[in-house]
């Protein structure tokens, strides 16, 4: 397993955990994106990011992914604030 695969796997697990914890909010956001003509462009973000990354794959391969642990503290704090706001 390469370093990129390990980091992307960790990112996928973290993203799945966030969506699982905040599934109601994620479902509400997806519903708004799907039904509101003002926000339907949000549905294009994931394919667009994928396309942009695929355009730069050759430039990204030599880079070494880095783990920055303070980001986990920020994400946990943001999740706590979101939990307190939605109570």
PDB file of N, CA and C in Angstrom:
ATOM      1  N   UNK A   1       0.853  -1.177   0.000  1.00  0.00           N
ATOM      2  CA  UNK A   1       0.000   0.000   0.000  1.00  0.00           C
ATOM      3  C   UNK A   1       0.895   1.236   0.000  1.00  0.00           C
ATOM      4  N   UNK A   2       0.637   2.125  -0.942  1.00  0.00           N
ATOM      5  CA  UNK A   2       1.450   3.330  -1.028  1.00  0.00           C
ATOM      6  C   UNK A   2       1.010   4.345   0.022  1.00  0.00           C
ATOM      7  N   UNK A   3       1.842   5.340   0.205  1.00  0.00           N
ATOM      8  CA  UNK A   3       1.536   6.390   1.175  1.00  0.00           C
ATOM      9  C   UNK A   3       0.272   7.146   0.780  1.00  0.00           C
ATOM     10  N   UNK A   4       0.101   7.406  -0.523  1.00  0.00           N
ATOM     11  CA  UNK A   4      -1.101   8.089  -1.004  1.00  0.00           C
ATOM     12  C   UNK A   4      -2.340   7.257  -0.720  1.00  0.00           C
ATOM     13  N   UNK A   5      -2.283   5.975  -0.964  1.00  0.00           N
ATOM     14  CA  UNK A   5      -3.438   5.105  -0.719  1.00  0.00           C
ATOM     15  C   UNK A   5      -3.807   5.099   0.748  1.00  0.00           C
ATOM     16  N   UNK A   6      -2.796   5.069   1.613  1.00  0.00           N
ATOM     17  CA  UNK A   6      -3.066   5.069   3.057  1.00  0.00           C
ATOM     18  C   UNK A   6      -3.708   6.379   3.490  1.00  0.00           C
ATOM     19  N   UNK A   7      -3.189   7.500   3.008  1.00  0.00           N
ATOM     20  CA  UNK A   7      -3.749   8.794   3.384  1.00  0.00           C
ATOM     21  C   UNK A   7      -5.154   8.991   2.815  1.00  0.00           C
ATOM     22  N   UNK A   8      -5.358   8.617   1.567  1.00  0.00           N
ATOM     23  CA  UNK A   8      -6.689   8.753   0.970  1.00  0.00           C
ATOM     24  C   UNK A   8      -7.700   7.815   1.630  1.00  0.00           C
ATOM     25  N   UNK A   9      -7.249   6.637   2.045  1.00  0.00           N
ATOM     26  CA  UNK A   9      -8.122   5.725   2.793  1.00  0.00           C
ATOM     27  C   UNK A   9      -8.525   6.318   4.130  1.00  0.00           C
ATOM     28  N   UNK A  10      -7.568   6.941   4.820  1.00  0.00           N
ATOM     29  CA  UNK A  10      -7.879   7.608   6.079  1.00  0.00           C
ATOM     30  C   UNK A  10      -8.837   8.766   5.885  1.00  0.00           C
ATOM     31  N   UNK A  11      -8.634   9.521   4.824  1.00  0.00           N
ATOM     32  CA  UNK A  11      -9.535  10.638   4.516  1.00  0.00           C
ATOM     33  C   UNK A  11     -10.938  10.128   4.213  1.00  0.00           C
ATOM     34  N   UNK A  12     -11.031   9.018   3.482  1.00  0.00           N
ATOM     35  CA  UNK A  12     -12.340   8.434   3.179  1.00  0.00           C
ATOM     36  C   UNK A  12     -13.035   7.957   4.454  1.00  0.00           C
ATOM     37  N   UNK A  13     -12.282   7.335   5.358  1.00  0.00           N
ATOM     38  CA  UNK A  13     -12.871   6.890   6.626  1.00  0.00           C
ATOM     39  C   UNK A  13     -13.334   8.071   7.475  1.00  0.00           C
ATOM     40  N   UNK A  14     -12.534   9.116   7.533  1.00  0.00           N
ATOM     41  CA  UNK A  14     -12.918  10.303   8.295  1.00  0.00           C
ATOM     42  C   UNK A  14     -14.152  10.959   7.690  1.00  0.00           C
ATOM     43  N   UNK A  15     -14.200  11.044   6.377  1.00  0.00           N
ATOM     44  CA  UNK A  15     -15.365  11.629   5.705  1.00  0.00           C
ATOM     45  C   UNK A  15     -16.613  10.795   5.965  1.00  0.00           C
ATOM     46  N   UNK A  16     -16.479   9.471   5.902  1.00  0.00           N
ATOM     47  CA  UNK A  16     -17.622   8.594   6.177  1.00  0.00           C
ATOM     48  C   UNK A  16     -18.084   8.742   7.622  1.00  0.00           C
ATOM     49  N   UNK A  17     -17.140   8.895   8.549  1.00  0.00           N
ATOM     50  CA  UNK A  17     -17.510   9.084   9.955  1.00  0.00           C
ATOM     51  C   UNK A  17     -18.259  10.396  10.154  1.00  0.00           C
ATOM     52  N   UNK A  18     -17.805  11.457   9.510  1.00  0.00           N
ATOM     53  CA  UNK A  18     -18.474  12.755   9.641  1.00  0.00           C
ATOM     54  C   UNK A  18     -19.887  12.685   9.070  1.00  0.00           C
ATOM     55  N   UNK A  19     -20.037  12.069   7.898  1.00  0.00           N
ATOM     56  CA  UNK A  19     -21.373  11.949   7.292  1.00  0.00           C
ATOM     57  C   UNK A  19     -22.265  11.063   8.152  1.00  0.00           C
ATOM     58  N   UNK A  20     -21.698  10.010   8.748  1.00  0.00           N
ATOM     59  CA  UNK A  20     -22.480   9.130   9.615  1.00  0.00           C
ATOM     60  C   UNK A  20     -22.945   9.858  10.872  1.00  0.00           C
ATOM     61  N   UNK A  21     -22.061  10.623  11.475  1.00  0.00           N
ATOM     62  CA  UNK A  21     -22.418  11.348  12.696  1.00  0.00           C
ATOM     63  C   UNK A  21     -23.462  12.419  12.409  1.00  0.00           C
ATOM     64  N   UNK A  22     -23.307  13.117  11.299  1.00  0.00           N
ATOM     65  CA  UNK A  22     -24.210  14.213  10.953  1.00  0.00           C
ATOM     66  C   UNK A  22     -25.082  13.838   9.759  1.00  0.00           C
ATOM     67  N   UNK A  23     -25.643  12.626   9.765  1.00  0.00           N
ATOM     68  CA  UNK A  23     -26.389  12.140   8.608  1.00  0.00           C
ATOM     69  C   UNK A  23     -27.634  12.964   8.332  1.00  0.00           C
ATOM     70  N   UNK A  24     -28.306  13.448   9.354  1.00  0.00           N
ATOM     71  CA  UNK A  24     -29.505  14.267   9.125  1.00  0.00           C
ATOM     72  C   UNK A  24     -29.138  15.571   8.415  1.00  0.00           C
ATOM     73  N   UNK A  25     -28.094  16.216   8.885  1.00  0.00           N
ATOM     74  CA  UNK A  25     -27.656  17.465   8.253  1.00  0.00           C
ATOM     75  C   UNK A  25     -27.197  17.211   6.816  1.00  0.00           C
ATOM     76  N   UNK A  26     -26.471  16.111   6.613  1.00  0.00           N
ATOM     77  CA  UNK A  26     -26.007  15.777   5.261  1.00  0.00           C
ATOM     78  C   UNK A  26     -27.194  15.497   4.338  1.00  0.00           C
ATOM     79  N   UNK A  27     -28.198  14.785   4.843  1.00  0.00           N
ATOM     80  CA  UNK A  27     -29.383  14.500   4.027  1.00  0.00           C
ATOM     81  C   UNK A  27     -30.157  15.781   3.716  1.00  0.00           C
ATOM     82  N   UNK A  28     -30.269  16.674   4.696  1.00  0.00           N
ATOM     83  CA  UNK A  28     -30.948  17.952   4.459  1.00  0.00           C
ATOM     84  C   UNK A  28     -30.200  18.787   3.415  1.00  0.00           C
ATOM     85  N   UNK A  29     -28.864  18.823   3.528  1.00  0.00           N
ATOM     86  CA  UNK A  29     -28.072  19.561   2.537  1.00  0.00           C
ATOM     87  C   UNK A  29     -28.264  18.978   1.143  1.00  0.00           C
ATOM     88  N   UNK A  30     -28.202  17.656   1.037  1.00  0.00           N
ATOM     89  CA  UNK A  30     -28.373  17.017  -0.266  1.00  0.00           C
ATOM     90  C   UNK A  30     -29.765  17.297  -0.831  1.00  0.00           C
ATOM     91  N   UNK A  31     -30.777  17.309   0.038  1.00  0.00           N
ATOM     92  CA  UNK A  31     -32.126  17.626  -0.410  1.00  0.00           C
ATOM     93  C   UNK A  31     -32.235  19.048  -0.940  1.00  0.00           C
ATOM     94  N   UNK A  32     -31.599  19.979  -0.257  1.00  0.00           N
ATOM     95  CA  UNK A  32     -31.607  21.369  -0.716  1.00  0.00           C
ATOM     96  C   UNK A  32     -30.879  21.479  -2.045  1.00  0.00           C
ATOM     97  N   UNK A  33     -29.720  20.825  -2.146  1.00  0.00           N
ATOM     98  CA  UNK A  33     -28.954  20.881  -3.389  1.00  0.00           C
ATOM     99  C   UNK A  33     -29.755  20.294  -4.544  1.00  0.00           C
ATOM    100  N   UNK A  34     -30.504  19.222  -4.279  1.00  0.00           N
ATOM    101  CA  UNK A  34     -31.222  18.529  -5.334  1.00  0.00           C
ATOM    102  C   UNK A  34     -32.476  19.285  -5.773  1.00  0.00           C
ATOM    103  N   UNK A  35     -33.169  19.938  -4.826  1.00  0.00           N
ATOM    104  CA  UNK A  35     -34.476  20.521  -5.122  1.00  0.00           C
ATOM    105  C   UNK A  35     -34.480  22.031  -5.342  1.00  0.00           C
ATOM    106  N   UNK A  36     -33.469  22.733  -4.912  1.00  0.00           N
ATOM    107  CA  UNK A  36     -33.447  24.188  -5.041  1.00  0.00           C
ATOM    108  C   UNK A  36     -32.610  24.585  -6.257  1.00  0.00           C
ATOM    109  N   UNK A  37     -33.219  25.341  -7.165  1.00  0.00           N
ATOM    110  CA  UNK A  37     -32.477  25.750  -8.363  1.00  0.00           C
ATOM    111  C   UNK A  37     -31.329  26.693  -8.016  1.00  0.00           C
ATOM    112  N   UNK A  38     -31.387  27.312  -6.857  1.00  0.00           N
ATOM    113  CA  UNK A  38     -30.310  28.209  -6.443  1.00  0.00           C
ATOM    114  C   UNK A  38     -29.032  27.432  -6.111  1.00  0.00           C
ATOM    115  N   UNK A  39     -29.183  26.230  -5.579  1.00  0.00           N
ATOM    116  CA  UNK A  39     -28.032  25.484  -5.078  1.00  0.00           C
ATOM    117  C   UNK A  39     -27.707  24.216  -5.863  1.00  0.00           C
ATOM    118  N   UNK A  40     -28.326  23.982  -7.015  1.00  0.00           N
ATOM    119  CA  UNK A  40     -28.048  22.750  -7.755  1.00  0.00           C
ATOM    120  C   UNK A  40     -26.605  22.678  -8.253  1.00  0.00           C
ATOM    121  N   UNK A  41     -25.948  23.824  -8.356  1.00  0.00           N
ATOM    122  CA  UNK A  41     -24.548  23.804  -8.790  1.00  0.00           C
ATOM    123  C   UNK A  41     -23.659  23.070  -7.792  1.00  0.00           C
ATOM    124  N   UNK A  42     -24.101  22.944  -6.532  1.00  0.00           N
ATOM    125  CA  UNK A  42     -23.309  22.229  -5.522  1.00  0.00           C
ATOM    126  C   UNK A  42     -23.138  20.756  -5.892  1.00  0.00           C
ATOM    127  N   UNK A  43     -24.103  20.200  -6.634  1.00  0.00           N
ATOM    128  CA  UNK A  43     -23.997  18.806  -7.061  1.00  0.00           C
ATOM    129  C   UNK A  43     -22.832  18.589  -8.018  1.00  0.00           C
ATOM    130  N   UNK A  44     -22.376  19.647  -8.656  1.00  0.00           N
ATOM    131  CA  UNK A  44     -21.271  19.539  -9.611  1.00  0.00           C
ATOM    132  C   UNK A  44     -19.895  19.605  -8.949  1.00  0.00           C
ATOM    133  N   UNK A  45     -19.837  19.956  -7.675  1.00  0.00           N
ATOM    134  CA  UNK A  45     -18.543  20.167  -7.021  1.00  0.00           C
ATOM    135  C   UNK A  45     -17.695  18.895  -6.974  1.00  0.00           C
ATOM    136  N   UNK A  46     -18.262  17.774  -6.569  1.00  0.00           N
ATOM    137  CA  UNK A  46     -17.474  16.543  -6.447  1.00  0.00           C
ATOM    138  C   UNK A  46     -16.950  16.082  -7.812  1.00  0.00           C
ATOM    139  N   UNK A  47     -17.804  16.000  -8.864  1.00  0.00           N
ATOM    140  CA  UNK A  47     -17.236  15.618 -10.167  1.00  0.00           C
ATOM    141  C   UNK A  47     -16.220  16.633 -10.689  1.00  0.00           C
ATOM    142  N   UNK A  48     -16.446  17.907 -10.408  1.00  0.00           N
ATOM    143  CA  UNK A  48     -15.519  18.932 -10.891  1.00  0.00           C
ATOM    144  C   UNK A  48     -14.163  18.808 -10.195  1.00  0.00           C
ATOM    145  N   UNK A  49     -14.176  18.578  -8.885  1.00  0.00           N
ATOM    146  CA  UNK A  49     -12.919  18.390  -8.157  1.00  0.00           C
ATOM    147  C   UNK A  49     -12.204  17.142  -8.668  1.00  0.00           C
ATOM    148  N   UNK A  50     -12.969  16.056  -8.900  1.00  0.00           N
ATOM    149  CA  UNK A  50     -12.368  14.842  -9.454  1.00  0.00           C
ATOM    150  C   UNK A  50     -11.725  15.090 -10.805  1.00  0.00           C
ATOM    151  N   UNK A  51     -12.394  15.851 -11.656  1.00  0.00           N
ATOM    152  CA  UNK A  51     -11.846  16.171 -12.972  1.00  0.00           C
ATOM    153  C   UNK A  51     -10.575  17.001 -12.841  1.00  0.00           C
ATOM    154  N   UNK A  52     -10.587  18.010 -11.962  1.00  0.00           N
ATOM    155  CA  UNK A  52      -9.406  18.848 -11.779  1.00  0.00           C
ATOM    156  C   UNK A  52      -8.220  18.044 -11.252  1.00  0.00           C
ATOM    157  N   UNK A  53      -8.481  17.147 -10.309  1.00  0.00           N
ATOM    158  CA  UNK A  53      -7.403  16.307  -9.782  1.00  0.00           C
ATOM    159  C   UNK A  53      -6.870  15.391 -10.879  1.00  0.00           C
ATOM    160  N   UNK A  54      -7.776  14.833 -11.691  1.00  0.00           N
ATOM    161  CA  UNK A  54      -7.312  13.950 -12.769  1.00  0.00           C
ATOM    162  C   UNK A  54      -6.464  14.708 -13.794  1.00  0.00           C
ATOM    163  N   UNK A  55      -6.706  15.983 -13.967  1.00  0.00           N
ATOM    164  CA  UNK A  55      -5.906  16.793 -14.879  1.00  0.00           C
ATOM    165  C   UNK A  55      -4.491  17.027 -14.346  1.00  0.00           C
ATOM    166  N   UNK A  56      -4.321  16.952 -13.046  1.00  0.00           N
ATOM    167  CA  UNK A  56      -3.031  17.253 -12.417  1.00  0.00           C
ATOM    168  C   UNK A  56      -2.383  16.031 -11.768  1.00  0.00           C
ATOM    169  N   UNK A  57      -2.806  14.842 -12.141  1.00  0.00           N
ATOM    170  CA  UNK A  57      -2.275  13.626 -11.523  1.00  0.00           C
ATOM    171  C   UNK A  57      -0.766  13.531 -11.644  1.00  0.00           C
ATOM    172  N   UNK A  58      -0.225  13.873 -12.791  1.00  0.00           N
ATOM    173  CA  UNK A  58       1.228  13.786 -12.990  1.00  0.00           C
ATOM    174  C   UNK A  58       1.973  14.734 -12.052  1.00  0.00           C
ATOM    175  N   UNK A  59       1.381  15.881 -11.760  1.00  0.00           N
ATOM    176  CA  UNK A  59       2.018  16.824 -10.839  1.00  0.00           C
ATOM    177  C   UNK A  59       1.842  16.412  -9.381  1.00  0.00           C
ATOM    178  N   UNK A  60       0.781  15.684  -9.079  1.00  0.00           N
ATOM    179  CA  UNK A  60       0.510  15.289  -7.696  1.00  0.00           C
ATOM    180  C   UNK A  60       1.286  14.043  -7.271  1.00  0.00           C
ATOM    181  N   UNK A  61       1.591  13.150  -8.211  1.00  0.00           N
ATOM    182  CA  UNK A  61       2.272  11.889  -7.869  1.00  0.00           C
ATOM    183  C   UNK A  61       3.582  12.072  -7.116  1.00  0.00           C
ATOM    184  N   UNK A  62       4.454  13.000  -7.530  1.00  0.00           N
ATOM    185  CA  UNK A  62       5.721  13.117  -6.798  1.00  0.00           C
ATOM    186  C   UNK A  62       5.588  13.747  -5.407  1.00  0.00           C
ATOM    187  N   UNK A  63       4.447  14.353  -5.116  1.00  0.00           N
ATOM    188  CA  UNK A  63       4.266  14.971  -3.796  1.00  0.00           C
ATOM    189  C   UNK A  63       4.098  13.902  -2.728  1.00  0.00           C
ATOM    190  N   UNK A  64       4.522  14.209  -1.540  1.00  0.00           N
ATOM    191  CA  UNK A  64       4.368  13.299  -0.409  1.00  0.00           C
ATOM    192  C   UNK A  64       3.240  13.821   0.478  1.00  0.00           C
ATOM    193  N   UNK A  65       2.188  13.017   0.699  1.00  0.00           N
ATOM    194  CA  UNK A  65       1.104  13.478   1.559  1.00  0.00           C
ATOM    195  C   UNK A  65       1.597  13.599   2.994  1.00  0.00           C
ATOM    196  N   UNK A  66       1.071  14.566   3.701  1.00  0.00           N
ATOM    197  CA  UNK A  66       1.490  14.806   5.081  1.00  0.00           C
ATOM    198  C   UNK A  66       0.280  14.782   5.997  1.00  0.00           C
ATOM    199  N   UNK A  67       0.459  14.226   7.174  1.00  0.00           N
ATOM    200  CA  UNK A  67      -0.589  14.212   8.185  1.00  0.00           C
ATOM    201  C   UNK A  67      -0.373  15.408   9.094  1.00  0.00           C
ATOM    202  N   UNK A  68      -1.382  16.235   9.237  1.00  0.00           N
ATOM    203  CA  UNK A  68      -1.287  17.417  10.087  1.00  0.00           C
ATOM    204  C   UNK A  68      -2.305  17.251  11.209  1.00  0.00           C
ATOM    205  N   UNK A  69      -1.849  16.804  12.392  1.00  0.00           N
ATOM    206  CA  UNK A  69      -2.760  16.456  13.473  1.00  0.00           C
ATOM    207  C   UNK A  69      -3.613  17.609  13.976  1.00  0.00           C
ATOM    208  N   UNK A  70      -3.168  18.896  13.948  1.00  0.00           N
ATOM    209  CA  UNK A  70      -4.068  19.954  14.414  1.00  0.00           C
ATOM    210  C   UNK A  70      -5.373  20.036  13.617  1.00  0.00           C
ATOM    211  N   UNK A  71      -5.371  19.522  12.394  1.00  0.00           N
ATOM    212  CA  UNK A  71      -6.609  19.522  11.608  1.00  0.00           C
ATOM    213  C   UNK A  71      -7.672  18.669  12.287  1.00  0.00           C
ATOM    214  N   UNK A  72      -7.263  17.578  12.938  1.00  0.00           N
ATOM    215  CA  UNK A  72      -8.230  16.742  13.657  1.00  0.00           C
ATOM    216  C   UNK A  72      -8.844  17.493  14.824  1.00  0.00           C
ATOM    217  N   UNK A  73      -8.042  18.322  15.495  1.00  0.00           N
ATOM    218  CA  UNK A  73      -8.563  19.135  16.601  1.00  0.00           C
ATOM    219  C   UNK A  73      -9.585  20.135  16.070  1.00  0.00           C
ATOM    220  N   UNK A  74      -9.273  20.779  14.943  1.00  0.00           N
ATOM    221  CA  UNK A  74     -10.200  21.736  14.332  1.00  0.00           C
ATOM    222  C   UNK A  74     -11.495  21.043  13.906  1.00  0.00           C
ATOM    223  N   UNK A  75     -11.393  19.870  13.305  1.00  0.00           N
ATOM    224  CA  UNK A  75     -12.585  19.142  12.866  1.00  0.00           C
ATOM    225  C   UNK A  75     -13.433  18.709  14.061  1.00  0.00           C
ATOM    226  N   UNK A  76     -12.788  18.251  15.116  1.00  0.00           N
ATOM    227  CA  UNK A  76     -13.535  17.861  16.313  1.00  0.00           C
ATOM    228  C   UNK A  76     -14.225  19.079  16.935  1.00  0.00           C
ATOM    229  N   UNK A  77     -13.533  20.204  16.985  1.00  0.00           N
ATOM    230  CA  UNK A  77     -14.139  21.429  17.508  1.00  0.00           C
ATOM    231  C   UNK A  77     -15.315  21.888  16.665  1.00  0.00           C
ATOM    232  N   UNK A  78     -15.176  21.823  15.344  1.00  0.00           N
ATOM    233  CA  UNK A  78     -16.274  22.203  14.455  1.00  0.00           C
ATOM    234  C   UNK A  78     -17.468  21.267  14.640  1.00  0.00           C
ATOM    235  N   UNK A  79     -17.193  19.979  14.801  1.00  0.00           N
ATOM    236  CA  UNK A  79     -18.276  19.022  15.041  1.00  0.00           C
ATOM    237  C   UNK A  79     -18.979  19.281  16.354  1.00  0.00           C
ATOM    238  N   UNK A  80     -18.221  19.633  17.374  1.00  0.00           N
ATOM    239  CA  UNK A  80     -18.819  19.953  18.672  1.00  0.00           C
ATOM    240  C   UNK A  80     -19.702  21.190  18.571  1.00  0.00           C
ATOM    241  N   UNK A  81     -19.208  22.219  17.907  1.00  0.00           N
ATOM    242  CA  UNK A  81     -20.002  23.447  17.737  1.00  0.00           C
ATOM    243  C   UNK A  81     -21.275  23.144  16.955  1.00  0.00           C
ATOM    244  N   UNK A  82     -21.175  22.375  15.876  1.00  0.00           N
ATOM    245  CA  UNK A  82     -22.348  22.017  15.095  1.00  0.00           C
ATOM    246  C   UNK A  82     -23.347  21.224  15.934  1.00  0.00           C
ATOM    247  N   UNK A  83     -22.838  20.319  16.753  1.00  0.00           N
ATOM    248  CA  UNK A  83     -23.726  19.540  17.627  1.00  0.00           C
ATOM    249  C   UNK A  83     -24.447  20.427  18.628  1.00  0.00           C
ATOM    250  N   UNK A  84     -23.742  21.412  19.179  1.00  0.00           N
ATOM    251  CA  UNK A  84     -24.367  22.305  20.149  1.00  0.00           C
ATOM    252  C   UNK A  84     -25.378  23.229  19.498  1.00  0.00           C
ATOM    253  N   UNK A  85     -25.115  23.630  18.259  1.00  0.00           N
ATOM    254  CA  UNK A  85     -26.044  24.530  17.564  1.00  0.00           C
ATOM    255  C   UNK A  85     -27.328  23.803  17.194  1.00  0.00           C
ATOM    256  N   UNK A  86     -27.238  22.541  16.818  1.00  0.00           N
ATOM    257  CA  UNK A  86     -28.416  21.804  16.346  1.00  0.00           C
ATOM    258  C   UNK A  86     -29.212  21.163  17.461  1.00  0.00           C
ATOM    259  N   UNK A  87     -28.835  21.357  18.697  1.00  0.00           N
ATOM    260  CA  UNK A  87     -29.591  20.748  19.822  1.00  0.00           C
ATOM    261  C   UNK A  87     -30.917  21.447  19.981  1.00  0.00           C
TER     262      UNK A  87
END
